[in-house]
Every structure is written in C-alpha cells, then in structure tokens.
Amino acid sequence: MKIKELKELQLDGIKESANIGGGHAATALTQMLGKEVGVEVPRIEVMPIEKTPELLGRNVGITVAALTKFFGDVTGRNLIVMSDKDAKTLIHILLNEEIEGDREISEMGISSIQEVANILCSSYLSAISEFLGLMLLPSVPFIVRDDFRAIISSAYLEFSGEEEYVFCVKTIFHFKEPRKELDAYLLLIPDTDGLATMLKAMDLL
C-alpha cells in the first residue's frame, strides 16, 4: 500500500469533495428542519484505525456513532461519531427534547440522529464517489451508544488486513436557531481491497 504517500493534492481533492458533500447535507438538513444549518469541513486526514480514539480526546467517554456499510466499487464501513453531549444537544435542536445527564436517548431521538447521519453519509459518499470516479452506496445507519474505543474496536475486528487506514473527515454543524456549533467525525473505513481501489483511482498504486 502507498497510503503514506498520499500527497497534499490528493487530500485537498478529497477535502474539496467532502466540502461539496457537506454543502449538500446542509441544504437537506435546512429543508428538513425549516431553519438554516451550515456544515463545515475544516480538516481531513488519514490515519491507522487504531489511532482514531485520539480524535475525540482521551476523556471523551460515551459517544454516539452511526454505523453504515457501503457497497459498490469499494466496500467498507462508515462511522459518524459525536460525543454523547453533542448528540443530546442535536436531539434537543431536532426535537426540542431535553435529555439530562446519563439518561438514555429515546427511540425518537435515535431515529432523528439516524436521519441526520443518513443525510450526511449519503452526501459525503456521493461527492467522494464523483471525485474518485467510483460507485459508493451506503446502507441504512445503525446507531450505537458506547465508549468510542469499544465502538472502533468492533469495527476494527471486521477487517483482516495488516494495515487498516481510515479517512477522517472532521465536520462542524452550525445552527443559527439556537446558536450552536456541534462537532462530529466521519470515519471512512474501506476494506483492504477497497482501499487499493481508492488508491488506484488516485494514481497511488
């Protein structure tokens, strides 16, 4: 694999694709909520999957993740991850539902996060597909609430390659009513063969 040889030009291309996907997601979320939503992609990087817990910090605790599989020319998994606090704030914005402390998220809250994750994941995959000239089709998201290390370990066990890398897309939601900024990460985890296909599309193999 030549994943470590990803040049700034390739990452810029993926970031620009993610920005386009974020724009589409913002439009869809604005229509869904009836209030303006912005989606910003300030950073994208590639790292070994086992290092991804560092993204949210050592003391992040419980997180909420939307897990999807994707199919087509490349197969693998997506995770959209946010802290438990931000997930509950998002539910409050979407449903006007307060969730205090360590209370579990309601079924309606889970459904609302699932819908947002579906919009975000589909928008990102569509834009990245266009950039790479590949077909990527997502499944319906499955919501998990757990310690992030446990979530990523479960995803890691699905793969058997010696080096598993993940494309990390930091996402910031900007809400104007109420005025809030929420962080999330999209983790694009191609399987070993899928990673090779993506690298070939970027002339790295």
Protein backbone atom coordinates (compact mmCIF):
# COMPACT_ATOMS: atom_id res chain seq x y z
CA MET A 1 0.00 0.00 0.00
CA LYS A 2 1.12 3.55 -0.64
CA ILE A 3 -1.29 5.15 1.77
CA LYS A 4 1.56 7.03 3.47
CA GLU A 5 2.38 8.60 0.12
CA LEU A 6 -0.93 10.43 -0.09
CA LYS A 7 0.07 13.86 -1.30
CA GLU A 8 -1.43 17.17 -0.28
CA LEU A 9 -3.05 17.39 -3.72
CA GLN A 10 -5.00 14.15 -3.20
CA LEU A 11 -6.08 15.11 0.30
CA ASP A 12 -7.13 18.53 -0.96
CA GLY A 13 -9.25 16.79 -3.61
CA ILE A 14 -10.92 14.59 -1.01
CA LYS A 15 -11.43 17.57 1.30
CA GLU A 16 -13.00 19.58 -1.51
CA SER A 17 -15.29 16.64 -2.24
CA ALA A 18 -16.21 16.46 1.44
CA ASN A 19 -16.93 20.20 1.43
CA ILE A 20 -19.27 19.71 -1.54
CA GLY A 21 -20.93 16.82 0.29
CA GLY A 22 -21.22 18.98 3.39
CA GLY A 23 -22.93 21.68 1.35
CA HIS A 24 -25.47 19.17 0.03
CA ALA A 25 -26.03 17.87 3.58
CA ALA A 26 -26.54 21.42 4.87
CA THR A 27 -29.17 22.08 2.21
CA ALA A 28 -31.00 18.85 3.03
CA LEU A 29 -30.88 19.50 6.79
CA THR A 30 -32.10 23.07 6.33
CA GLN A 31 -35.06 21.77 4.34
CA MET A 32 -35.76 19.07 6.93
CA LEU A 33 -35.64 21.44 9.92
CA GLY A 34 -37.05 24.55 8.31
CA LYS A 35 -34.14 26.55 9.77
CA GLU A 36 -30.68 27.33 8.46
CA VAL A 37 -27.94 24.77 9.06
CA GLY A 38 -24.31 25.08 7.96
CA VAL A 39 -21.85 22.18 7.60
CA GLU A 40 -18.12 22.93 7.65
CA VAL A 41 -15.25 20.53 6.89
CA PRO A 42 -12.16 22.11 8.47
CA ARG A 43 -9.88 19.08 8.38
CA ILE A 44 -9.37 15.71 6.71
CA GLU A 45 -6.59 13.28 7.41
CA VAL A 46 -5.65 9.63 7.01
CA MET A 47 -4.55 7.56 9.99
CA PRO A 48 -4.32 3.95 11.20
CA ILE A 49 -7.70 2.88 12.52
CA GLU A 50 -6.33 2.08 15.98
CA LYS A 51 -5.33 5.74 16.45
CA THR A 52 -8.79 7.18 15.82
CA PRO A 53 -9.75 7.37 19.54
CA GLU A 54 -7.23 10.24 19.75
CA LEU A 55 -9.55 12.33 17.56
CA LEU A 56 -12.10 12.89 20.31
CA GLY A 57 -9.60 13.13 23.16
CA ARG A 58 -8.74 10.74 25.93
CA ASN A 59 -11.58 11.71 28.25
CA VAL A 60 -14.45 11.84 25.78
CA GLY A 61 -16.27 8.96 27.50
CA ILE A 62 -19.52 7.78 25.93
CA THR A 63 -20.07 8.60 22.27
CA VAL A 64 -22.90 8.15 19.81
CA ALA A 65 -21.98 6.63 16.46
CA ALA A 66 -23.96 5.94 13.31
CA LEU A 67 -22.55 2.88 11.58
CA THR A 68 -23.20 2.21 7.91
CA LYS A 69 -21.78 -0.23 5.44
CA PHE A 70 -21.07 0.85 1.88
CA PHE A 71 -21.05 -1.19 -1.29
CA GLY A 72 -20.30 -0.78 -4.98
CA ASP A 73 -16.82 -0.41 -6.46
CA VAL A 74 -15.48 -0.13 -2.91
CA THR A 75 -16.75 -1.91 0.20
CA GLY A 76 -16.21 -0.96 3.81
CA ARG A 77 -17.80 0.90 6.69
CA ASN A 78 -18.59 4.46 7.70
CA LEU A 79 -18.80 5.76 11.23
CA ILE A 80 -20.25 9.16 12.06
CA VAL A 81 -19.24 9.87 15.63
CA MET A 82 -20.02 12.62 18.12
CA SER A 83 -19.79 12.99 21.88
CA ASP A 84 -22.80 11.95 23.93
CA LYS A 85 -23.27 15.58 24.98
CA ASP A 86 -23.31 16.87 21.40
CA ALA A 87 -25.64 14.07 20.31
CA LYS A 88 -28.12 15.05 23.02
CA THR A 89 -27.80 18.72 22.06
CA LEU A 90 -28.53 17.74 18.45
CA ILE A 91 -31.64 15.86 19.56
CA HIS A 92 -32.76 18.92 21.53
CA ILE A 93 -32.38 21.05 18.38
CA LEU A 94 -34.18 18.50 16.22
CA LEU A 95 -36.99 17.52 18.59
CA ASN A 96 -36.93 20.10 21.39
CA GLU A 97 -36.35 17.13 23.71
CA GLU A 98 -34.17 17.63 26.81
CA ILE A 99 -32.05 14.64 27.86
CA GLU A 100 -30.40 15.23 31.21
CA GLY A 101 -27.17 13.67 32.44
CA ASP A 102 -26.68 9.98 31.67
CA ARG A 103 -30.26 9.31 30.65
CA GLU A 104 -30.68 7.01 27.68
CA ILE A 105 -31.67 8.51 24.33
CA SER A 106 -35.29 7.87 23.38
CA GLU A 107 -36.31 5.85 20.34
CA MET A 108 -37.46 9.07 18.67
CA GLY A 109 -34.07 10.65 19.43
CA ILE A 110 -32.26 7.66 17.92
CA SER A 111 -34.42 7.95 14.79
CA SER A 112 -33.61 11.65 14.43
CA ILE A 113 -29.85 11.04 14.68
CA GLN A 114 -30.23 8.19 12.23
CA GLU A 115 -31.90 10.52 9.74
CA VAL A 116 -29.18 13.17 10.11
CA ALA A 117 -26.47 10.50 9.75
CA ASN A 118 -28.16 9.13 6.63
CA ILE A 119 -28.20 12.60 5.04
CA LEU A 120 -24.58 13.31 5.99
CA CYS A 121 -23.24 9.91 4.96
CA SER A 122 -25.09 9.85 1.63
CA SER A 123 -23.98 13.39 0.79
CA TYR A 124 -20.33 12.71 1.58
CA LEU A 125 -20.22 9.37 -0.23
CA SER A 126 -21.89 10.83 -3.31
CA ALA A 127 -19.35 13.67 -3.55
CA ILE A 128 -16.34 11.43 -2.88
CA SER A 129 -17.68 8.91 -5.43
CA GLU A 130 -17.75 11.64 -8.05
CA PHE A 131 -14.21 12.75 -7.20
CA LEU A 132 -12.82 9.20 -7.43
CA GLY A 133 -14.98 8.08 -10.35
CA LEU A 134 -16.23 5.15 -8.26
CA MET A 135 -19.66 3.98 -7.13
CA LEU A 136 -20.20 4.00 -3.34
CA LEU A 137 -23.65 3.11 -2.00
CA PRO A 138 -24.45 3.34 1.76
CA SER A 139 -26.72 1.13 3.83
CA VAL A 140 -29.17 2.45 6.41
CA PRO A 141 -27.31 3.73 9.53
CA PHE A 142 -27.32 1.74 12.75
CA ILE A 143 -26.93 3.84 15.93
CA VAL A 144 -24.59 2.73 18.73
CA ARG A 145 -24.05 4.48 22.08
CA ASP A 146 -20.91 3.27 23.85
CA ASP A 147 -17.33 4.11 24.71
CA PHE A 148 -15.62 5.11 21.46
CA ARG A 149 -12.75 2.66 21.94
CA ALA A 150 -15.27 -0.18 22.16
CA ILE A 151 -17.05 1.04 19.02
CA ILE A 152 -13.87 1.38 16.97
CA SER A 153 -12.55 -1.97 18.25
CA SER A 154 -15.73 -3.63 17.00
CA ALA A 155 -15.29 -2.01 13.58
CA TYR A 156 -11.60 -2.95 13.55
CA LEU A 157 -12.40 -6.63 14.11
CA GLU A 158 -14.39 -6.65 10.86
CA PHE A 159 -11.16 -6.33 8.88
CA SER A 160 -8.23 -8.69 8.50
CA GLY A 161 -5.57 -6.69 6.65
CA GLU A 162 -2.24 -5.94 8.28
CA GLU A 163 -2.67 -2.19 7.87
CA GLU A 164 -6.13 -0.71 8.21
CA TYR A 165 -6.38 3.00 7.48
CA VAL A 166 -9.29 5.36 7.85
CA PHE A 167 -10.14 8.65 6.15
CA CYS A 168 -11.18 11.05 8.93
CA VAL A 169 -13.40 13.98 7.97
CA LYS A 170 -13.99 16.47 10.79
CA THR A 171 -17.43 18.03 10.50
CA ILE A 172 -18.83 21.07 12.30
CA PHE A 173 -22.58 21.72 12.30
CA HIS A 174 -23.51 25.41 12.58
CA PHE A 175 -27.05 26.04 13.84
CA LYS A 176 -28.39 29.60 13.97
CA GLU A 177 -31.55 28.88 15.97
CA PRO A 178 -30.46 28.16 18.63
CA ARG A 179 -26.89 29.35 18.00
CA LYS A 180 -24.83 26.18 18.45
CA GLU A 181 -21.79 24.51 16.95
CA LEU A 182 -21.53 20.73 17.19
CA ASP A 183 -18.55 18.57 16.21
CA ALA A 184 -18.73 15.19 14.51
CA TYR A 185 -16.31 12.94 12.65
CA LEU A 186 -16.97 10.90 9.56
CA LEU A 187 -14.65 7.88 9.50
CA LEU A 188 -14.49 6.24 6.08
CA ILE A 189 -13.06 2.74 6.60
CA PRO A 190 -12.56 0.87 3.31
CA ASP A 191 -11.70 -2.81 3.42
CA THR A 192 -8.25 -3.83 2.17
CA ASP A 193 -9.33 -4.39 -1.44
CA GLY A 194 -11.44 -1.22 -1.36
CA LEU A 195 -8.50 0.84 -0.14
CA ALA A 196 -6.42 -0.45 -3.04
CA THR A 197 -9.21 0.55 -5.46
CA MET A 198 -9.33 4.06 -3.97
CA LEU A 199 -5.55 4.41 -4.16
CA LYS A 200 -5.58 3.30 -7.81
CA ALA A 201 -8.21 5.93 -8.53
CA MET A 202 -5.76 8.49 -7.09
CA ASP A 203 -2.83 7.06 -9.12
CA LEU A 204 -1.06 5.82 -5.99
CA LEU A 205 -0.96 2.14 -6.97
